[in-house]
Amino acid sequence: MTIDFVLYISKETMKTTVYILAPILGAGLSVGLLIGIFQAVTSIQEMTLTFIPKITVLGLILIFLTPWFLDVLMSFTLEIFNQIATVGMQP
């Protein structure tokens, strides 16, 4: 196992992590920002007003994107296993 192989696996792991977390974090950030602007405009200072929409949107994102998440994770796992198998075959 070379340094290049370890760096490749690390890079692919970080890329896959960001690729999967970006929709979740983006949705949470967008909803939080919109609710924050709404609260500032209307002077409503209710704490549950930010919590409930975020949980709802994140739940919907997870429900609808779970098949895509699993597809990305399966392809990543198969790629890593194939790379590990090729390292074991080298002299």
PDB file of N, CA and C in Angstrom:
ATOM      1  N   MET A   1       0.853  -1.172   0.000  1.00  0.00           N
ATOM      2  CA  MET A   1       0.000   0.000   0.000  1.00  0.00           C
ATOM      3  C   MET A   1       0.899   1.235   0.000  1.00  0.00           C
ATOM      4  N   THR A   2       0.688   2.078  -0.972  1.00  0.00           N
ATOM      5  CA  THR A   2       1.524   3.266  -1.112  1.00  0.00           C
ATOM      6  C   THR A   2       0.815   4.492  -0.547  1.00  0.00           C
ATOM      7  N   ILE A   3       1.587   5.551  -0.439  1.00  0.00           N
ATOM      8  CA  ILE A   3       1.025   6.822   0.020  1.00  0.00           C
ATOM      9  C   ILE A   3      -0.025   7.327  -0.970  1.00  0.00           C
ATOM     10  N   ASP A   4       0.218   7.110  -2.249  1.00  0.00           N
ATOM     11  CA  ASP A   4      -0.744   7.547  -3.267  1.00  0.00           C
ATOM     12  C   ASP A   4      -2.092   6.853  -3.098  1.00  0.00           C
ATOM     13  N   PHE A   5      -2.055   5.577  -2.760  1.00  0.00           N
ATOM     14  CA  PHE A   5      -3.298   4.830  -2.559  1.00  0.00           C
ATOM     15  C   PHE A   5      -4.066   5.367  -1.353  1.00  0.00           C
ATOM     16  N   VAL A   6      -3.352   5.635  -0.272  1.00  0.00           N
ATOM     17  CA  VAL A   6      -3.998   6.176   0.931  1.00  0.00           C
ATOM     18  C   VAL A   6      -4.572   7.560   0.644  1.00  0.00           C
ATOM     19  N   LEU A   7      -3.834   8.374  -0.077  1.00  0.00           N
ATOM     20  CA  LEU A   7      -4.339   9.700  -0.437  1.00  0.00           C
ATOM     21  C   LEU A   7      -5.556   9.610  -1.350  1.00  0.00           C
ATOM     22  N   TYR A   8      -5.552   8.652  -2.262  1.00  0.00           N
ATOM     23  CA  TYR A   8      -6.695   8.457  -3.152  1.00  0.00           C
ATOM     24  C   TYR A   8      -7.940   8.073  -2.354  1.00  0.00           C
ATOM     25  N   ILE A   9      -7.787   7.127  -1.438  1.00  0.00           N
ATOM     26  CA  ILE A   9      -8.933   6.704  -0.619  1.00  0.00           C
ATOM     27  C   ILE A   9      -9.423   7.858   0.245  1.00  0.00           C
ATOM     28  N   SER A  10      -8.501   8.619   0.823  1.00  0.00           N
ATOM     29  CA  SER A  10      -8.894   9.762   1.655  1.00  0.00           C
ATOM     30  C   SER A  10      -9.637  10.808   0.837  1.00  0.00           C
ATOM     31  N   LYS A  11      -9.131  11.086  -0.363  1.00  0.00           N
ATOM     32  CA  LYS A  11      -9.775  12.081  -1.226  1.00  0.00           C
ATOM     33  C   LYS A  11     -11.175  11.633  -1.628  1.00  0.00           C
ATOM     34  N   GLU A  12     -11.310  10.373  -2.011  1.00  0.00           N
ATOM     35  CA  GLU A  12     -12.619   9.860  -2.413  1.00  0.00           C
ATOM     36  C   GLU A  12     -13.600   9.841  -1.237  1.00  0.00           C
ATOM     37  N   THR A  13     -13.099   9.533  -0.053  1.00  0.00           N
ATOM     38  CA  THR A  13     -13.961   9.530   1.130  1.00  0.00           C
ATOM     39  C   THR A  13     -14.481  10.928   1.428  1.00  0.00           C
ATOM     40  N   MET A  14     -13.595  11.912   1.399  1.00  0.00           N
ATOM     41  CA  MET A  14     -14.011  13.290   1.668  1.00  0.00           C
ATOM     42  C   MET A  14     -14.965  13.799   0.584  1.00  0.00           C
ATOM     43  N   LYS A  15     -14.680  13.463  -0.669  1.00  0.00           N
ATOM     44  CA  LYS A  15     -15.534  13.900  -1.771  1.00  0.00           C
ATOM     45  C   LYS A  15     -16.933  13.296  -1.648  1.00  0.00           C
ATOM     46  N   THR A  16     -17.006  12.017  -1.314  1.00  0.00           N
ATOM     47  CA  THR A  16     -18.304  11.362  -1.161  1.00  0.00           C
ATOM     48  C   THR A  16     -19.068  11.933   0.031  1.00  0.00           C
ATOM     49  N   THR A  17     -18.359  12.217   1.114  1.00  0.00           N
ATOM     50  CA  THR A  17     -19.005  12.797   2.293  1.00  0.00           C
ATOM     51  C   THR A  17     -19.617  14.152   1.967  1.00  0.00           C
ATOM     52  N   VAL A  18     -18.872  15.005   1.300  1.00  0.00           N
ATOM     53  CA  VAL A  18     -19.389  16.326   0.929  1.00  0.00           C
ATOM     54  C   VAL A  18     -20.535  16.189  -0.063  1.00  0.00           C
ATOM     55  N   TYR A  19     -20.406  15.257  -0.989  1.00  0.00           N
ATOM     56  CA  TYR A  19     -21.422  15.030  -2.019  1.00  0.00           C
ATOM     57  C   TYR A  19     -22.754  14.618  -1.394  1.00  0.00           C
ATOM     58  N   ILE A  20     -22.696  13.826  -0.326  1.00  0.00           N
ATOM     59  CA  ILE A  20     -23.920  13.364   0.323  1.00  0.00           C
ATOM     60  C   ILE A  20     -24.471  14.409   1.293  1.00  0.00           C
ATOM     61  N   LEU A  21     -23.602  15.103   1.997  1.00  0.00           N
ATOM     62  CA  LEU A  21     -24.072  16.051   2.999  1.00  0.00           C
ATOM     63  C   LEU A  21     -24.506  17.397   2.421  1.00  0.00           C
ATOM     64  N   ALA A  22     -24.076  17.740   1.224  1.00  0.00           N
ATOM     65  CA  ALA A  22     -24.396  19.048   0.653  1.00  0.00           C
ATOM     66  C   ALA A  22     -25.900  19.319   0.534  1.00  0.00           C
ATOM     67  N   PRO A  23     -26.723  18.384   0.039  1.00  0.00           N
ATOM     68  CA  PRO A  23     -28.161  18.687  -0.032  1.00  0.00           C
ATOM     69  C   PRO A  23     -28.795  18.886   1.346  1.00  0.00           C
ATOM     70  N   ILE A  24     -28.361  18.100   2.316  1.00  0.00           N
ATOM     71  CA  ILE A  24     -28.930  18.209   3.659  1.00  0.00           C
ATOM     72  C   ILE A  24     -28.544  19.541   4.290  1.00  0.00           C
ATOM     73  N   LEU A  25     -27.255  19.867   4.237  1.00  0.00           N
ATOM     74  CA  LEU A  25     -26.795  21.121   4.829  1.00  0.00           C
ATOM     75  C   LEU A  25     -27.334  22.333   4.080  1.00  0.00           C
ATOM     76  N   GLY A  26     -27.411  22.242   2.765  1.00  0.00           N
ATOM     77  CA  GLY A  26     -27.949  23.349   1.981  1.00  0.00           C
ATOM     78  C   GLY A  26     -29.412  23.618   2.280  1.00  0.00           C
ATOM     79  N   ALA A  27     -30.189  22.556   2.420  1.00  0.00           N
ATOM     80  CA  ALA A  27     -31.612  22.730   2.739  1.00  0.00           C
ATOM     81  C   ALA A  27     -31.786  23.320   4.133  1.00  0.00           C
ATOM     82  N   GLY A  28     -31.029  22.819   5.092  1.00  0.00           N
ATOM     83  CA  GLY A  28     -31.119  23.353   6.454  1.00  0.00           C
ATOM     84  C   GLY A  28     -30.708  24.812   6.520  1.00  0.00           C
ATOM     85  N   LEU A  29     -29.645  25.155   5.807  1.00  0.00           N
ATOM     86  CA  LEU A  29     -29.183  26.541   5.774  1.00  0.00           C
ATOM     87  C   LEU A  29     -30.204  27.450   5.105  1.00  0.00           C
ATOM     88  N   SER A  30     -30.774  27.005   3.997  1.00  0.00           N
ATOM     89  CA  SER A  30     -31.756  27.818   3.270  1.00  0.00           C
ATOM     90  C   SER A  30     -33.010  28.065   4.101  1.00  0.00           C
ATOM     91  N   VAL A  31     -33.523  27.004   4.709  1.00  0.00           N
ATOM     92  CA  VAL A  31     -34.730  27.153   5.528  1.00  0.00           C
ATOM     93  C   VAL A  31     -34.446  28.044   6.732  1.00  0.00           C
ATOM     94  N   GLY A  32     -33.312  27.844   7.370  1.00  0.00           N
ATOM     95  CA  GLY A  32     -32.957  28.679   8.516  1.00  0.00           C
ATOM     96  C   GLY A  32     -32.829  30.144   8.139  1.00  0.00           C
ATOM     97  N   LEU A  33     -32.230  30.406   6.989  1.00  0.00           N
ATOM     98  CA  LEU A  33     -32.075  31.784   6.530  1.00  0.00           C
ATOM     99  C   LEU A  33     -33.423  32.413   6.202  1.00  0.00           C
ATOM    100  N   LEU A  34     -34.285  31.672   5.506  1.00  0.00           N
ATOM    101  CA  LEU A  34     -35.612  32.206   5.173  1.00  0.00           C
ATOM    102  C   LEU A  34     -36.444  32.476   6.423  1.00  0.00           C
ATOM    103  N   ILE A  35     -36.411  31.556   7.370  1.00  0.00           N
ATOM    104  CA  ILE A  35     -37.168  31.755   8.608  1.00  0.00           C
ATOM    105  C   ILE A  35     -36.583  32.913   9.403  1.00  0.00           C
ATOM    106  N   GLY A  36     -35.262  33.052   9.407  1.00  0.00           N
ATOM    107  CA  GLY A  36     -34.623  34.175  10.101  1.00  0.00           C
ATOM    108  C   GLY A  36     -35.029  35.511   9.503  1.00  0.00           C
ATOM    109  N   ILE A  37     -35.070  35.583   8.173  1.00  0.00           N
ATOM    110  CA  ILE A  37     -35.509  36.819   7.513  1.00  0.00           C
ATOM    111  C   ILE A  37     -36.971  37.093   7.832  1.00  0.00           C
ATOM    112  N   PHE A  38     -37.799  36.046   7.802  1.00  0.00           N
ATOM    113  CA  PHE A  38     -39.219  36.205   8.140  1.00  0.00           C
ATOM    114  C   PHE A  38     -39.388  36.710   9.573  1.00  0.00           C
ATOM    115  N   GLN A  39     -38.613  36.167  10.500  1.00  0.00           N
ATOM    116  CA  GLN A  39     -38.701  36.611  11.888  1.00  0.00           C
ATOM    117  C   GLN A  39     -38.238  38.055  12.043  1.00  0.00           C
ATOM    118  N   ALA A  40     -37.207  38.442  11.319  1.00  0.00           N
ATOM    119  CA  ALA A  40     -36.720  39.818  11.415  1.00  0.00           C
ATOM    120  C   ALA A  40     -37.732  40.808  10.845  1.00  0.00           C
ATOM    121  N   VAL A  41     -38.384  40.430   9.756  1.00  0.00           N
ATOM    122  CA  VAL A  41     -39.355  41.328   9.127  1.00  0.00           C
ATOM    123  C   VAL A  41     -40.602  41.469   9.985  1.00  0.00           C
ATOM    124  N   THR A  42     -41.076  40.367  10.562  1.00  0.00           N
ATOM    125  CA  THR A  42     -42.329  40.399  11.315  1.00  0.00           C
ATOM    126  C   THR A  42     -42.132  40.602  12.811  1.00  0.00           C
ATOM    127  N   SER A  43     -40.903  40.656  13.284  1.00  0.00           N
ATOM    128  CA  SER A  43     -40.575  40.822  14.708  1.00  0.00           C
ATOM    129  C   SER A  43     -41.142  39.706  15.575  1.00  0.00           C
ATOM    130  N   ILE A  44     -41.277  38.520  15.023  1.00  0.00           N
ATOM    131  CA  ILE A  44     -41.705  37.352  15.788  1.00  0.00           C
ATOM    132  C   ILE A  44     -40.455  36.688  16.348  1.00  0.00           C
ATOM    133  N   GLN A  45     -40.422  36.467  17.648  1.00  0.00           N
ATOM    134  CA  GLN A  45     -39.243  35.878  18.287  1.00  0.00           C
ATOM    135  C   GLN A  45     -39.556  34.508  18.885  1.00  0.00           C
ATOM    136  N   GLU A  46     -40.320  33.717  18.192  1.00  0.00           N
ATOM    137  CA  GLU A  46     -40.687  32.376  18.657  1.00  0.00           C
ATOM    138  C   GLU A  46     -39.596  31.387  18.266  1.00  0.00           C
ATOM    139  N   MET A  47     -39.061  30.647  19.234  1.00  0.00           N
ATOM    140  CA  MET A  47     -37.964  29.718  18.978  1.00  0.00           C
ATOM    141  C   MET A  47     -38.414  28.500  18.170  1.00  0.00           C
ATOM    142  N   THR A  48     -39.638  28.033  18.384  1.00  0.00           N
ATOM    143  CA  THR A  48     -40.093  26.845  17.656  1.00  0.00           C
ATOM    144  C   THR A  48     -40.369  27.148  16.188  1.00  0.00           C
ATOM    145  N   LEU A  49     -40.468  28.418  15.843  1.00  0.00           N
ATOM    146  CA  LEU A  49     -40.707  28.787  14.451  1.00  0.00           C
ATOM    147  C   LEU A  49     -39.531  28.384  13.560  1.00  0.00           C
ATOM    148  N   THR A  50     -38.329  28.366  14.087  1.00  0.00           N
ATOM    149  CA  THR A  50     -37.183  27.930  13.287  1.00  0.00           C
ATOM    150  C   THR A  50     -36.986  26.424  13.357  1.00  0.00           C
ATOM    151  N   PHE A  51     -37.346  25.834  14.465  1.00  0.00           N
ATOM    152  CA  PHE A  51     -37.066  24.416  14.687  1.00  0.00           C
ATOM    153  C   PHE A  51     -37.967  23.508  13.854  1.00  0.00           C
ATOM    154  N   ILE A  52     -39.258  23.743  13.878  1.00  0.00           N
ATOM    155  CA  ILE A  52     -40.222  22.849  13.224  1.00  0.00           C
ATOM    156  C   ILE A  52     -40.068  22.838  11.693  1.00  0.00           C
ATOM    157  N   PRO A  53     -39.944  23.979  11.010  1.00  0.00           N
ATOM    158  CA  PRO A  53     -39.743  23.907   9.554  1.00  0.00           C
ATOM    159  C   PRO A  53     -38.434  23.223   9.156  1.00  0.00           C
ATOM    160  N   LYS A  54     -37.368  23.446   9.926  1.00  0.00           N
ATOM    161  CA  LYS A  54     -36.096  22.789   9.604  1.00  0.00           C
ATOM    162  C   LYS A  54     -36.220  21.280   9.716  1.00  0.00           C
ATOM    163  N   ILE A  55     -36.829  20.805  10.795  1.00  0.00           N
ATOM    164  CA  ILE A  55     -36.997  19.366  10.985  1.00  0.00           C
ATOM    165  C   ILE A  55     -37.872  18.786   9.876  1.00  0.00           C
ATOM    166  N   THR A  56     -38.928  19.495   9.508  1.00  0.00           N
ATOM    167  CA  THR A  56     -39.821  19.017   8.453  1.00  0.00           C
ATOM    168  C   THR A  56     -39.097  18.924   7.107  1.00  0.00           C
ATOM    169  N   VAL A  57     -38.384  19.970   6.737  1.00  0.00           N
ATOM    170  CA  VAL A  57     -37.676  19.978   5.452  1.00  0.00           C
ATOM    171  C   VAL A  57     -36.572  18.929   5.437  1.00  0.00           C
ATOM    172  N   LEU A  58     -35.826  18.816   6.517  1.00  0.00           N
ATOM    173  CA  LEU A  58     -34.757  17.820   6.561  1.00  0.00           C
ATOM    174  C   LEU A  58     -35.317  16.403   6.516  1.00  0.00           C
ATOM    175  N   GLY A  59     -36.452  16.182   7.160  1.00  0.00           N
ATOM    176  CA  GLY A  59     -37.094  14.871   7.082  1.00  0.00           C
ATOM    177  C   GLY A  59     -37.530  14.542   5.663  1.00  0.00           C
ATOM    178  N   LEU A  60     -38.113  15.524   4.976  1.00  0.00           N
ATOM    179  CA  LEU A  60     -38.526  15.309   3.584  1.00  0.00           C
ATOM    180  C   LEU A  60     -37.326  15.077   2.667  1.00  0.00           C
ATOM    181  N   ILE A  61     -36.263  15.832   2.893  1.00  0.00           N
ATOM    182  CA  ILE A  61     -35.038  15.632   2.098  1.00  0.00           C
ATOM    183  C   ILE A  61     -34.524  14.213   2.298  1.00  0.00           C
ATOM    184  N   LEU A  62     -34.487  13.764   3.541  1.00  0.00           N
ATOM    185  CA  LEU A  62     -33.993  12.411   3.817  1.00  0.00           C
ATOM    186  C   LEU A  62     -34.896  11.347   3.198  1.00  0.00           C
ATOM    187  N   ILE A  63     -36.201  11.556   3.242  1.00  0.00           N
ATOM    188  CA  ILE A  63     -37.125  10.572   2.670  1.00  0.00           C
ATOM    189  C   ILE A  63     -36.946  10.478   1.152  1.00  0.00           C
ATOM    190  N   PHE A  64     -36.881  11.626   0.490  1.00  0.00           N
ATOM    191  CA  PHE A  64     -36.824  11.610  -0.971  1.00  0.00           C
ATOM    192  C   PHE A  64     -35.439  11.302  -1.533  1.00  0.00           C
ATOM    193  N   LEU A  65     -34.379  11.623  -0.805  1.00  0.00           N
ATOM    194  CA  LEU A  65     -33.034  11.415  -1.335  1.00  0.00           C
ATOM    195  C   LEU A  65     -32.340  10.166  -0.807  1.00  0.00           C
ATOM    196  N   THR A  66     -32.999   9.396   0.048  1.00  0.00           N
ATOM    197  CA  THR A  66     -32.374   8.178   0.570  1.00  0.00           C
ATOM    198  C   THR A  66     -31.970   7.205  -0.536  1.00  0.00           C
ATOM    199  N   PRO A  67     -32.789   6.959  -1.565  1.00  0.00           N
ATOM    200  CA  PRO A  67     -32.323   6.062  -2.639  1.00  0.00           C
ATOM    201  C   PRO A  67     -31.052   6.572  -3.329  1.00  0.00           C
ATOM    202  N   TRP A  68     -30.974   7.859  -3.547  1.00  0.00           N
ATOM    203  CA  TRP A  68     -29.775   8.432  -4.154  1.00  0.00           C
ATOM    204  C   TRP A  68     -28.572   8.296  -3.225  1.00  0.00           C
ATOM    205  N   PHE A  69     -28.780   8.575  -1.919  1.00  0.00           N
ATOM    206  CA  PHE A  69     -27.699   8.412  -0.942  1.00  0.00           C
ATOM    207  C   PHE A  69     -27.173   6.986  -0.962  1.00  0.00           C
ATOM    208  N   LEU A  70     -28.081   6.030  -0.961  1.00  0.00           N
ATOM    209  CA  LEU A  70     -27.666   4.625  -0.952  1.00  0.00           C
ATOM    210  C   LEU A  70     -26.936   4.250  -2.233  1.00  0.00           C
ATOM    211  N   ASP A  71     -27.385   4.776  -3.364  1.00  0.00           N
ATOM    212  CA  ASP A  71     -26.706   4.497  -4.630  1.00  0.00           C
ATOM    213  C   ASP A  71     -25.279   5.045  -4.621  1.00  0.00           C
ATOM    214  N   VAL A  72     -25.110   6.269  -4.143  1.00  0.00           N
ATOM    215  CA  VAL A  72     -23.774   6.871  -4.075  1.00  0.00           C
ATOM    216  C   VAL A  72     -22.884   6.087  -3.118  1.00  0.00           C
ATOM    217  N   LEU A  73     -23.422   5.723  -1.960  1.00  0.00           N
ATOM    218  CA  LEU A  73     -22.622   4.979  -0.982  1.00  0.00           C
ATOM    219  C   LEU A  73     -22.273   3.581  -1.473  1.00  0.00           C
ATOM    220  N   MET A  74     -23.190   2.936  -2.181  1.00  0.00           N
ATOM    221  CA  MET A  74     -22.894   1.602  -2.715  1.00  0.00           C
ATOM    222  C   MET A  74     -21.802   1.670  -3.781  1.00  0.00           C
ATOM    223  N   SER A  75     -21.888   2.636  -4.673  1.00  0.00           N
ATOM    224  CA  SER A  75     -20.850   2.744  -5.700  1.00  0.00           C
ATOM    225  C   SER A  75     -19.502   3.102  -5.079  1.00  0.00           C
ATOM    226  N   PHE A  76     -19.508   3.950  -4.055  1.00  0.00           N
ATOM    227  CA  PHE A  76     -18.262   4.283  -3.360  1.00  0.00           C
ATOM    228  C   PHE A  76     -17.677   3.050  -2.673  1.00  0.00           C
ATOM    229  N   THR A  77     -18.524   2.286  -2.002  1.00  0.00           N
ATOM    230  CA  THR A  77     -18.054   1.091  -1.304  1.00  0.00           C
ATOM    231  C   THR A  77     -17.494   0.065  -2.279  1.00  0.00           C
ATOM    232  N   LEU A  78     -18.184  -0.156  -3.388  1.00  0.00           N
ATOM    233  CA  LEU A  78     -17.682  -1.095  -4.392  1.00  0.00           C
ATOM    234  C   LEU A  78     -16.354  -0.628  -4.982  1.00  0.00           C
ATOM    235  N   GLU A  79     -16.230   0.662  -5.225  1.00  0.00           N
ATOM    236  CA  GLU A  79     -14.968   1.205  -5.747  1.00  0.00           C
ATOM    237  C   GLU A  79     -13.821   0.982  -4.759  1.00  0.00           C
ATOM    238  N   ILE A  80     -14.073   1.240  -3.492  1.00  0.00           N
ATOM    239  CA  ILE A  80     -13.031   1.048  -2.471  1.00  0.00           C
ATOM    240  C   ILE A  80     -12.669  -0.427  -2.356  1.00  0.00           C
ATOM    241  N   PHE A  81     -13.653  -1.307  -2.351  1.00  0.00           N
ATOM    242  CA  PHE A  81     -13.359  -2.742  -2.271  1.00  0.00           C
ATOM    243  C   PHE A  81     -12.558  -3.212  -3.481  1.00  0.00           C
ATOM    244  N   ASN A  82     -12.895  -2.712  -4.667  1.00  0.00           N
ATOM    245  CA  ASN A  82     -12.136  -3.074  -5.866  1.00  0.00           C
ATOM    246  C   ASN A  82     -10.700  -2.566  -5.786  1.00  0.00           C
ATOM    247  N   GLN A  83     -10.524  -1.363  -5.273  1.00  0.00           N
ATOM    248  CA  GLN A  83      -9.174  -0.818  -5.125  1.00  0.00           C
ATOM    249  C   GLN A  83      -8.363  -1.625  -4.112  1.00  0.00           C
ATOM    250  N   ILE A  84      -8.999  -2.026  -3.020  1.00  0.00           N
ATOM    251  CA  ILE A  84      -8.308  -2.829  -2.008  1.00  0.00           C
ATOM    252  C   ILE A  84      -7.928  -4.187  -2.588  1.00  0.00           C
ATOM    253  N   ALA A  85      -8.809  -4.762  -3.399  1.00  0.00           N
ATOM    254  CA  ALA A  85      -8.510  -6.063  -4.009  1.00  0.00           C
ATOM    255  C   ALA A  85      -7.331  -5.959  -4.970  1.00  0.00           C
ATOM    256  N   THR A  86      -7.241  -4.868  -5.716  1.00  0.00           N
ATOM    257  CA  THR A  86      -6.114  -4.721  -6.640  1.00  0.00           C
ATOM    258  C   THR A  86      -4.803  -4.486  -5.898  1.00  0.00           C
ATOM    259  N   VAL A  87      -4.856  -3.859  -4.745  1.00  0.00           N
ATOM    260  CA  VAL A  87      -3.636  -3.667  -3.954  1.00  0.00           C
ATOM    261  C   VAL A  87      -3.138  -5.007  -3.439  1.00  0.00           C
ATOM    262  N   GLY A  88      -4.053  -5.887  -3.061  1.00  0.00           N
ATOM    263  CA  GLY A  88      -3.666  -7.201  -2.561  1.00  0.00           C
ATOM    264  C   GLY A  88      -3.048  -8.078  -3.633  1.00  0.00           C
ATOM    265  N   MET A  89      -3.328  -7.815  -4.914  1.00  0.00           N
ATOM    266  CA  MET A  89      -2.801  -8.631  -6.005  1.00  0.00           C
ATOM    267  C   MET A  89      -1.407  -8.190  -6.445  1.00  0.00           C
ATOM    268  N   GLN A  90      -1.016  -6.981  -6.100  1.00  0.00           N
ATOM    269  CA  GLN A  90       0.289  -6.484  -6.529  1.00  0.00           C
ATOM    270  C   GLN A  90       1.406  -7.188  -5.766  1.00  0.00           C
ATOM    271  N   PRO A  91       2.547  -7.430  -6.450  1.00  0.00           N
ATOM    272  CA  PRO A  91       3.658  -8.115  -5.768  1.00  0.00           C
ATOM    273  C   PRO A  91       4.385  -7.230  -4.789  1.00  0.00           C
TER     274      PRO A  91
END
